[in-house]
Structure formats: structure tokens, C-alpha cells
């Protein structure tokens, strides 16, 4: 989630501050490299997780460890800042897709906060957090579909 939130924030910052022109001639190459990088990072993180390289993130009946809380705080901050940057873009362009995407990031960030409040598997606050992340995922889908219809 940390890597995902960092990419969401960087994408929002790049779009919001116009550091790269949208119609750039090397866009396909950059997107291909970015997708390959995300795929390689996901595989490496999965391998590290299964091999026990990462420290313990959650202890039953105690809750999250300090490293888990740090990762979640940074993740939530990235999601919420990305949401605000996309909201800023929406205010400039009045594109409904940007508003929907901003709300999706907001729900996902708030839902992630609910997941950090877990002490025992199955806590009610965790289910509220999951519900918010599911609503955020639906908003992502709506943003994707609404953008596709306009092309």
C-alpha cells in the first residue's frame, strides 16, 4: 500500500504542477517502464514477505507494531495529499473524472486509517475501514468508466 500511495501522490503532483506535458512523445516508454517497475517491485516485496525479511507488523491481541503504524501513517498521508491535489485539478478543469478520482483516493485513505485501528481480527472499526476502501474502489471504477466514455 505504501508503494501504491507513493505512486498515487507522485502522479497527482505531476499532473497538478505540470512537470511533464501530457502529450509527451515518450509517454508510452515512460508508462511501460513504470508498469514494469511496479511489477518488479511487487514481485520483490512478495518474495521478501514470504521469506521473512520484513519485521512483524501485527501481533494478535496487541495490535499494530511501530513499523506498521509508521508505514500506514505515511500511506494515509500520501493518499490524502494525492486526493487534495486531484481536487485542485478538478477545481481548475471541472472534470467530473478528476472529482470522482479524488473522492476515490479520499475514501481509500480514510478506509486505510480504519484498518490501522485493528487490535483483534474482526474489530468493527476495521469493517468500517474496509467498507470505506470498497467504496473508494467503486469510485476508482466509476472514474475509469466515466473517463472512457468521454474519449
N, C-alpha and C. Protein backbone atom coordinates (compact mmCIF):
# COMPACT_ATOMS: atom_id res chain seq x y z
N UNK A 1 0.82 -1.19 0.00
CA UNK A 1 0.00 0.00 0.00
C UNK A 1 0.86 1.25 0.00
N UNK A 2 2.01 1.17 0.66
CA UNK A 2 2.89 2.33 0.70
C UNK A 2 3.38 2.69 -0.70
N UNK A 3 3.79 1.70 -1.46
CA UNK A 3 4.27 1.96 -2.82
C UNK A 3 3.13 2.51 -3.68
N UNK A 4 1.95 1.92 -3.54
CA UNK A 4 0.79 2.40 -4.30
C UNK A 4 0.47 3.85 -3.96
N UNK A 5 0.46 4.16 -2.68
CA UNK A 5 0.13 5.53 -2.28
C UNK A 5 1.19 6.52 -2.75
N UNK A 6 2.45 6.09 -2.74
CA UNK A 6 3.52 6.97 -3.22
C UNK A 6 3.36 7.27 -4.70
N UNK A 7 3.01 6.23 -5.49
CA UNK A 7 2.79 6.45 -6.91
C UNK A 7 1.55 7.31 -7.16
N UNK A 8 0.51 7.13 -6.36
CA UNK A 8 -0.68 7.96 -6.50
C UNK A 8 -0.34 9.42 -6.23
N UNK A 9 0.41 9.65 -5.17
CA UNK A 9 0.80 11.02 -4.82
C UNK A 9 1.69 11.63 -5.91
N UNK A 10 2.67 10.87 -6.39
CA UNK A 10 3.57 11.39 -7.41
C UNK A 10 2.81 11.70 -8.70
N UNK A 11 1.85 10.84 -9.06
CA UNK A 11 1.04 11.11 -10.24
C UNK A 11 0.20 12.36 -10.08
N UNK A 12 -0.37 12.53 -8.89
CA UNK A 12 -1.18 13.72 -8.63
C UNK A 12 -0.32 14.98 -8.64
N UNK A 13 0.87 14.89 -8.06
CA UNK A 13 1.76 16.05 -8.03
C UNK A 13 2.23 16.40 -9.44
N UNK A 14 2.53 15.36 -10.21
CA UNK A 14 2.98 15.60 -11.59
C UNK A 14 1.87 16.26 -12.42
N UNK A 15 0.66 15.78 -12.27
CA UNK A 15 -0.46 16.37 -13.00
C UNK A 15 -0.83 17.74 -12.49
N UNK A 16 -0.74 17.93 -11.18
CA UNK A 16 -1.17 19.18 -10.58
C UNK A 16 -0.20 20.33 -10.86
N UNK A 17 1.08 20.01 -10.88
CA UNK A 17 2.07 21.07 -11.06
C UNK A 17 2.65 21.11 -12.47
N UNK A 18 2.15 20.23 -13.36
CA UNK A 18 2.52 20.27 -14.77
C UNK A 18 3.98 20.06 -15.05
N UNK A 19 4.63 19.16 -14.30
CA UNK A 19 6.06 18.97 -14.51
C UNK A 19 6.37 18.21 -15.79
N UNK A 20 5.41 17.45 -16.31
CA UNK A 20 5.60 16.73 -17.56
C UNK A 20 4.40 17.00 -18.44
N UNK A 21 4.61 17.43 -19.68
CA UNK A 21 3.47 17.67 -20.56
C UNK A 21 2.69 16.38 -20.82
N UNK A 22 1.38 16.50 -20.86
CA UNK A 22 0.51 15.34 -21.02
C UNK A 22 0.74 14.67 -22.36
N UNK A 23 0.95 15.41 -23.42
CA UNK A 23 1.11 14.85 -24.75
C UNK A 23 2.56 14.55 -25.10
N UNK A 24 3.36 14.23 -24.13
CA UNK A 24 4.78 13.99 -24.36
C UNK A 24 4.99 12.82 -25.31
N UNK A 25 6.02 12.95 -26.18
CA UNK A 25 6.27 11.92 -27.18
C UNK A 25 6.84 10.64 -26.56
N UNK A 26 7.37 10.68 -25.38
CA UNK A 26 7.92 9.49 -24.73
C UNK A 26 6.99 8.93 -23.66
N UNK A 27 5.74 9.27 -23.75
CA UNK A 27 4.78 8.85 -22.72
C UNK A 27 4.63 7.33 -22.68
N UNK A 28 4.55 6.68 -23.84
CA UNK A 28 4.41 5.22 -23.87
C UNK A 28 5.62 4.54 -23.24
N UNK A 29 6.79 5.03 -23.54
CA UNK A 29 8.01 4.45 -22.98
C UNK A 29 8.03 4.62 -21.46
N UNK A 30 7.68 5.83 -20.99
CA UNK A 30 7.66 6.07 -19.54
C UNK A 30 6.62 5.20 -18.85
N UNK A 31 5.43 5.07 -19.45
CA UNK A 31 4.39 4.23 -18.85
C UNK A 31 4.81 2.77 -18.83
N UNK A 32 5.42 2.29 -19.90
CA UNK A 32 5.89 0.91 -19.94
C UNK A 32 6.93 0.66 -18.87
N UNK A 33 7.88 1.57 -18.73
CA UNK A 33 8.90 1.44 -17.69
C UNK A 33 8.28 1.51 -16.29
N UNK A 34 7.31 2.38 -16.11
CA UNK A 34 6.66 2.49 -14.80
C UNK A 34 5.91 1.21 -14.46
N UNK A 35 5.17 0.66 -15.42
CA UNK A 35 4.44 -0.59 -15.17
C UNK A 35 5.39 -1.74 -14.87
N UNK A 36 6.48 -1.81 -15.62
CA UNK A 36 7.48 -2.86 -15.35
C UNK A 36 8.11 -2.68 -13.97
N UNK A 37 8.38 -1.44 -13.62
CA UNK A 37 8.95 -1.17 -12.29
C UNK A 37 8.01 -1.56 -11.18
N UNK A 38 6.73 -1.26 -11.33
CA UNK A 38 5.74 -1.63 -10.32
C UNK A 38 5.62 -3.15 -10.23
N UNK A 39 5.63 -3.83 -11.37
CA UNK A 39 5.55 -5.29 -11.38
C UNK A 39 6.76 -5.91 -10.68
N UNK A 40 7.95 -5.43 -10.99
CA UNK A 40 9.17 -5.94 -10.36
C UNK A 40 9.16 -5.65 -8.86
N UNK A 41 8.77 -4.44 -8.48
CA UNK A 41 8.71 -4.10 -7.05
C UNK A 41 7.70 -4.98 -6.33
N UNK A 42 6.55 -5.24 -6.94
CA UNK A 42 5.54 -6.10 -6.32
C UNK A 42 6.06 -7.52 -6.13
N UNK A 43 6.76 -8.04 -7.13
CA UNK A 43 7.32 -9.39 -7.01
C UNK A 43 8.37 -9.43 -5.91
N UNK A 44 9.26 -8.44 -5.87
CA UNK A 44 10.30 -8.41 -4.83
C UNK A 44 9.71 -8.29 -3.43
N UNK A 45 8.72 -7.42 -3.28
CA UNK A 45 8.09 -7.26 -1.97
C UNK A 45 7.42 -8.55 -1.54
N UNK A 46 6.75 -9.23 -2.47
CA UNK A 46 6.11 -10.51 -2.15
C UNK A 46 7.14 -11.55 -1.75
N UNK A 47 8.24 -11.63 -2.49
CA UNK A 47 9.29 -12.60 -2.14
C UNK A 47 9.89 -12.29 -0.77
N UNK A 48 10.14 -11.02 -0.49
CA UNK A 48 10.68 -10.64 0.82
C UNK A 48 9.70 -10.98 1.94
N UNK A 49 8.43 -10.74 1.69
CA UNK A 49 7.42 -11.01 2.72
C UNK A 49 7.35 -12.51 3.02
N UNK A 50 7.34 -13.33 1.99
CA UNK A 50 7.24 -14.78 2.20
C UNK A 50 8.51 -15.38 2.78
N UNK A 51 9.65 -14.74 2.56
CA UNK A 51 10.90 -15.27 3.09
C UNK A 51 11.20 -14.78 4.50
N UNK A 52 10.35 -13.90 5.04
CA UNK A 52 10.52 -13.45 6.43
C UNK A 52 11.51 -12.33 6.60
N UNK A 53 11.83 -11.59 5.55
CA UNK A 53 12.79 -10.49 5.64
C UNK A 53 12.20 -9.31 6.39
N UNK A 54 10.90 -9.06 6.21
CA UNK A 54 10.27 -7.93 6.86
C UNK A 54 9.97 -8.22 8.32
N UNK A 55 10.01 -7.19 9.17
CA UNK A 55 9.68 -7.40 10.58
C UNK A 55 8.18 -7.64 10.77
N UNK A 56 7.80 -8.05 11.97
CA UNK A 56 6.39 -8.29 12.30
C UNK A 56 5.63 -6.97 12.28
N UNK A 57 4.48 -6.96 11.61
CA UNK A 57 3.67 -5.75 11.51
C UNK A 57 2.48 -5.77 12.45
N UNK A 58 2.02 -6.96 12.83
CA UNK A 58 0.81 -7.06 13.64
C UNK A 58 0.96 -8.22 14.61
N UNK A 59 0.58 -7.98 15.88
CA UNK A 59 0.62 -9.02 16.91
C UNK A 59 -0.80 -9.19 17.44
N UNK A 60 -1.31 -10.42 17.38
CA UNK A 60 -2.68 -10.71 17.83
C UNK A 60 -2.87 -10.29 19.29
N UNK A 61 -3.99 -9.64 19.59
CA UNK A 61 -4.38 -9.16 20.92
C UNK A 61 -3.52 -8.00 21.44
N UNK A 62 -2.59 -7.54 20.62
CA UNK A 62 -1.78 -6.38 20.99
C UNK A 62 -2.02 -5.25 19.99
N UNK A 63 -2.02 -5.61 18.73
CA UNK A 63 -2.27 -4.62 17.68
C UNK A 63 -1.07 -4.42 16.80
N UNK A 64 -1.06 -3.28 16.15
CA UNK A 64 0.00 -2.97 15.19
C UNK A 64 1.29 -2.63 15.90
N UNK A 65 2.40 -2.97 15.27
CA UNK A 65 3.70 -2.61 15.80
C UNK A 65 4.04 -1.19 15.33
N UNK A 66 5.14 -0.66 15.83
CA UNK A 66 5.54 0.71 15.49
C UNK A 66 5.83 0.85 14.00
N UNK A 67 6.49 -0.13 13.42
CA UNK A 67 6.80 -0.05 11.98
C UNK A 67 5.52 -0.07 11.15
N UNK A 68 4.53 -0.85 11.57
CA UNK A 68 3.25 -0.91 10.87
C UNK A 68 2.55 0.43 10.94
N UNK A 69 2.54 1.04 12.10
CA UNK A 69 1.90 2.34 12.26
C UNK A 69 2.58 3.40 11.41
N UNK A 70 3.90 3.37 11.36
CA UNK A 70 4.64 4.33 10.55
C UNK A 70 4.30 4.18 9.07
N UNK A 71 4.32 2.95 8.58
CA UNK A 71 4.00 2.69 7.18
C UNK A 71 2.58 3.15 6.86
N UNK A 72 1.63 2.84 7.74
CA UNK A 72 0.25 3.24 7.49
C UNK A 72 0.07 4.75 7.53
N UNK A 73 0.75 5.43 8.45
CA UNK A 73 0.63 6.89 8.52
C UNK A 73 1.14 7.53 7.24
N UNK A 74 2.30 7.08 6.77
CA UNK A 74 2.85 7.63 5.53
C UNK A 74 1.92 7.31 4.35
N UNK A 75 1.39 6.09 4.32
CA UNK A 75 0.46 5.69 3.26
C UNK A 75 -0.77 6.56 3.25
N UNK A 76 -1.36 6.76 4.41
CA UNK A 76 -2.58 7.57 4.51
C UNK A 76 -2.30 9.02 4.11
N UNK A 77 -1.17 9.55 4.52
CA UNK A 77 -0.80 10.92 4.15
C UNK A 77 -0.66 11.05 2.63
N UNK A 78 0.00 10.07 2.00
CA UNK A 78 0.15 10.10 0.54
C UNK A 78 -1.21 10.04 -0.15
N UNK A 79 -2.09 9.14 0.30
CA UNK A 79 -3.41 9.04 -0.32
C UNK A 79 -4.20 10.34 -0.17
N UNK A 80 -4.19 10.91 1.03
CA UNK A 80 -4.97 12.13 1.26
C UNK A 80 -4.37 13.34 0.54
N UNK A 81 -3.05 13.45 0.49
CA UNK A 81 -2.44 14.55 -0.26
C UNK A 81 -2.69 14.40 -1.76
N UNK A 82 -2.63 13.16 -2.25
CA UNK A 82 -2.95 12.92 -3.65
C UNK A 82 -4.39 13.31 -3.96
N UNK A 83 -5.28 12.99 -3.03
CA UNK A 83 -6.69 13.35 -3.20
C UNK A 83 -6.86 14.86 -3.27
N UNK A 84 -6.18 15.57 -2.42
CA UNK A 84 -6.27 17.04 -2.43
C UNK A 84 -5.70 17.63 -3.71
N UNK A 85 -4.62 17.04 -4.22
CA UNK A 85 -4.05 17.54 -5.47
C UNK A 85 -4.98 17.28 -6.65
N UNK A 86 -5.63 16.11 -6.67
CA UNK A 86 -6.61 15.85 -7.73
C UNK A 86 -7.84 16.76 -7.58
N UNK A 87 -8.21 17.08 -6.35
CA UNK A 87 -9.30 18.02 -6.14
C UNK A 87 -8.92 19.40 -6.66
N UNK A 88 -7.67 19.77 -6.47
CA UNK A 88 -7.16 21.03 -7.01
C UNK A 88 -7.26 21.06 -8.54
N UNK A 89 -6.89 19.94 -9.16
CA UNK A 89 -7.02 19.83 -10.62
C UNK A 89 -8.48 19.91 -11.05
N UNK A 90 -9.36 19.29 -10.26
CA UNK A 90 -10.79 19.35 -10.58
C UNK A 90 -11.29 20.79 -10.55
N UNK A 91 -10.89 21.54 -9.54
CA UNK A 91 -11.34 22.93 -9.44
C UNK A 91 -10.87 23.78 -10.62
N UNK A 92 -9.73 23.41 -11.20
CA UNK A 92 -9.23 24.14 -12.35
C UNK A 92 -9.93 23.73 -13.64
N UNK A 93 -10.25 22.42 -13.77
CA UNK A 93 -10.77 21.93 -15.05
C UNK A 93 -12.26 21.57 -15.02
N UNK A 94 -12.83 21.39 -13.85
CA UNK A 94 -14.24 20.98 -13.69
C UNK A 94 -14.53 19.62 -14.34
N UNK A 95 -13.52 18.76 -14.41
CA UNK A 95 -13.68 17.42 -14.96
C UNK A 95 -14.26 16.50 -13.88
N UNK A 96 -15.41 15.90 -14.17
CA UNK A 96 -16.05 15.01 -13.21
C UNK A 96 -15.18 13.79 -12.90
N UNK A 97 -14.37 13.37 -13.86
CA UNK A 97 -13.48 12.24 -13.65
C UNK A 97 -12.48 12.56 -12.54
N UNK A 98 -11.93 13.76 -12.55
CA UNK A 98 -10.97 14.14 -11.51
C UNK A 98 -11.63 14.22 -10.14
N UNK A 99 -12.86 14.70 -10.09
CA UNK A 99 -13.58 14.74 -8.82
C UNK A 99 -13.81 13.33 -8.30
N UNK A 100 -14.25 12.43 -9.16
CA UNK A 100 -14.51 11.06 -8.75
C UNK A 100 -13.22 10.39 -8.29
N UNK A 101 -12.14 10.62 -9.01
CA UNK A 101 -10.85 10.02 -8.64
C UNK A 101 -10.35 10.58 -7.31
N UNK A 102 -10.55 11.88 -7.11
CA UNK A 102 -10.17 12.50 -5.84
C UNK A 102 -10.95 11.89 -4.69
N UNK A 103 -12.24 11.70 -4.88
CA UNK A 103 -13.06 11.09 -3.83
C UNK A 103 -12.66 9.63 -3.59
N UNK A 104 -12.27 8.95 -4.65
CA UNK A 104 -11.82 7.56 -4.51
C UNK A 104 -10.57 7.50 -3.63
N UNK A 105 -9.62 8.38 -3.88
CA UNK A 105 -8.42 8.41 -3.04
C UNK A 105 -8.74 8.80 -1.60
N UNK A 106 -9.68 9.71 -1.44
CA UNK A 106 -10.08 10.14 -0.10
C UNK A 106 -10.69 8.97 0.68
N UNK A 107 -11.65 8.27 0.05
CA UNK A 107 -12.26 7.11 0.71
C UNK A 107 -11.21 6.04 1.02
N UNK A 108 -10.33 5.81 0.08
CA UNK A 108 -9.32 4.78 0.28
C UNK A 108 -8.37 5.14 1.42
N UNK A 109 -7.99 6.41 1.49
CA UNK A 109 -7.12 6.86 2.58
C UNK A 109 -7.81 6.78 3.93
N UNK A 110 -9.06 7.21 3.99
CA UNK A 110 -9.80 7.13 5.26
C UNK A 110 -10.06 5.69 5.66
N UNK A 111 -10.34 4.84 4.67
CA UNK A 111 -10.53 3.42 4.95
C UNK A 111 -9.25 2.78 5.47
N UNK A 112 -8.13 3.21 4.93
CA UNK A 112 -6.84 2.70 5.41
C UNK A 112 -6.61 3.10 6.86
N UNK A 113 -7.07 4.28 7.23
CA UNK A 113 -6.96 4.69 8.64
C UNK A 113 -7.76 3.75 9.53
N UNK A 114 -8.96 3.35 9.09
CA UNK A 114 -9.76 2.42 9.86
C UNK A 114 -9.05 1.09 10.05
N UNK A 115 -8.27 0.68 9.05
CA UNK A 115 -7.54 -0.58 9.16
C UNK A 115 -6.42 -0.50 10.20
N UNK A 116 -5.91 0.69 10.46
CA UNK A 116 -4.84 0.83 11.45
C UNK A 116 -5.34 0.70 12.88
N UNK A 117 -6.65 0.78 13.08
CA UNK A 117 -7.20 0.75 14.43
C UNK A 117 -7.47 -0.68 14.93
N UNK A 118 -7.04 -1.66 14.16
CA UNK A 118 -7.29 -3.06 14.50
C UNK A 118 -6.43 -3.53 15.67
N UNK A 119 -7.08 -4.19 16.64
CA UNK A 119 -6.37 -4.83 17.74
C UNK A 119 -6.58 -6.35 17.65
N UNK A 120 -7.79 -6.75 17.33
CA UNK A 120 -8.14 -8.15 17.17
C UNK A 120 -8.77 -8.31 15.80
N UNK A 121 -8.48 -9.41 15.13
CA UNK A 121 -9.09 -9.64 13.82
C UNK A 121 -10.61 -9.63 13.96
N UNK A 122 -11.26 -8.84 13.11
CA UNK A 122 -12.72 -8.78 13.11
C UNK A 122 -13.30 -7.61 13.89
N UNK A 123 -12.47 -6.65 14.32
CA UNK A 123 -13.00 -5.47 15.02
C UNK A 123 -13.99 -4.72 14.12
N UNK A 124 -14.98 -4.08 14.74
CA UNK A 124 -16.00 -3.34 13.98
C UNK A 124 -15.39 -2.17 13.22
N UNK A 125 -14.43 -1.47 13.83
CA UNK A 125 -13.83 -0.31 13.16
C UNK A 125 -13.09 -0.73 11.90
N UNK A 126 -12.55 -1.94 11.93
CA UNK A 126 -11.85 -2.45 10.75
C UNK A 126 -12.84 -2.68 9.61
N UNK A 127 -14.03 -3.18 9.96
CA UNK A 127 -15.04 -3.40 8.92
C UNK A 127 -15.53 -2.08 8.34
N UNK A 128 -15.61 -1.05 9.15
CA UNK A 128 -15.96 0.28 8.63
C UNK A 128 -14.86 0.77 7.68
N UNK A 129 -13.60 0.55 8.08
CA UNK A 129 -12.48 0.91 7.22
C UNK A 129 -12.50 0.14 5.91
N UNK A 130 -12.79 -1.14 5.99
CA UNK A 130 -12.88 -1.95 4.77
C UNK A 130 -14.01 -1.46 3.88
N UNK A 131 -15.14 -1.13 4.48
CA UNK A 131 -16.26 -0.61 3.71
C UNK A 131 -15.85 0.67 2.98
N UNK A 132 -15.13 1.55 3.67
CA UNK A 132 -14.67 2.80 3.03
C UNK A 132 -13.70 2.50 1.89
N UNK A 133 -12.82 1.53 2.06
CA UNK A 133 -11.91 1.18 0.97
C UNK A 133 -12.68 0.57 -0.21
N UNK A 134 -13.71 -0.22 0.08
CA UNK A 134 -14.53 -0.78 -1.01
C UNK A 134 -15.27 0.32 -1.77
N UNK A 135 -15.79 1.30 -1.03
CA UNK A 135 -16.45 2.44 -1.69
C UNK A 135 -15.42 3.20 -2.54
N UNK A 136 -14.22 3.36 -2.00
CA UNK A 136 -13.15 4.00 -2.77
C UNK A 136 -12.83 3.24 -4.04
N UNK A 137 -12.80 1.91 -3.96
CA UNK A 137 -12.54 1.10 -5.15
C UNK A 137 -13.66 1.26 -6.18
N UNK A 138 -14.91 1.36 -5.71
CA UNK A 138 -16.02 1.61 -6.63
C UNK A 138 -15.86 2.97 -7.31
N UNK A 139 -15.43 3.98 -6.54
CA UNK A 139 -15.21 5.30 -7.13
C UNK A 139 -14.09 5.25 -8.16
N UNK A 140 -13.04 4.47 -7.90
CA UNK A 140 -11.98 4.29 -8.90
C UNK A 140 -12.57 3.73 -10.18
N UNK A 141 -13.43 2.73 -10.04
CA UNK A 141 -14.07 2.12 -11.20
C UNK A 141 -14.95 3.13 -11.93
N UNK A 142 -15.73 3.91 -11.19
CA UNK A 142 -16.57 4.94 -11.80
C UNK A 142 -15.73 5.97 -12.56
N UNK A 143 -14.59 6.37 -11.95
CA UNK A 143 -13.71 7.34 -12.61
C UNK A 143 -13.15 6.76 -13.90
N UNK A 144 -12.76 5.50 -13.85
CA UNK A 144 -12.23 4.85 -15.04
C UNK A 144 -13.28 4.76 -16.14
N UNK A 145 -14.48 4.34 -15.77
CA UNK A 145 -15.54 4.20 -16.76
C UNK A 145 -16.01 5.54 -17.29
N UNK A 146 -16.09 6.55 -16.45
CA UNK A 146 -16.55 7.86 -16.93
C UNK A 146 -15.50 8.49 -17.85
N UNK A 147 -14.26 8.25 -17.59
CA UNK A 147 -13.20 8.78 -18.46
C UNK A 147 -13.21 8.06 -19.79
N UNK A 148 -13.50 6.80 -19.79
CA UNK A 148 -13.51 6.01 -21.03
C UNK A 148 -14.66 6.44 -21.94
N UNK A 149 -15.78 6.81 -21.36
CA UNK A 149 -16.94 7.21 -22.16
C UNK A 149 -16.72 8.54 -22.86
N UNK A 150 -15.88 9.40 -22.30
CA UNK A 150 -15.69 10.74 -22.84
C UNK A 150 -14.71 10.76 -24.02
N UNK A 151 -13.98 9.68 -24.23
CA UNK A 151 -12.98 9.68 -25.32
C UNK A 151 -13.59 9.37 -26.64
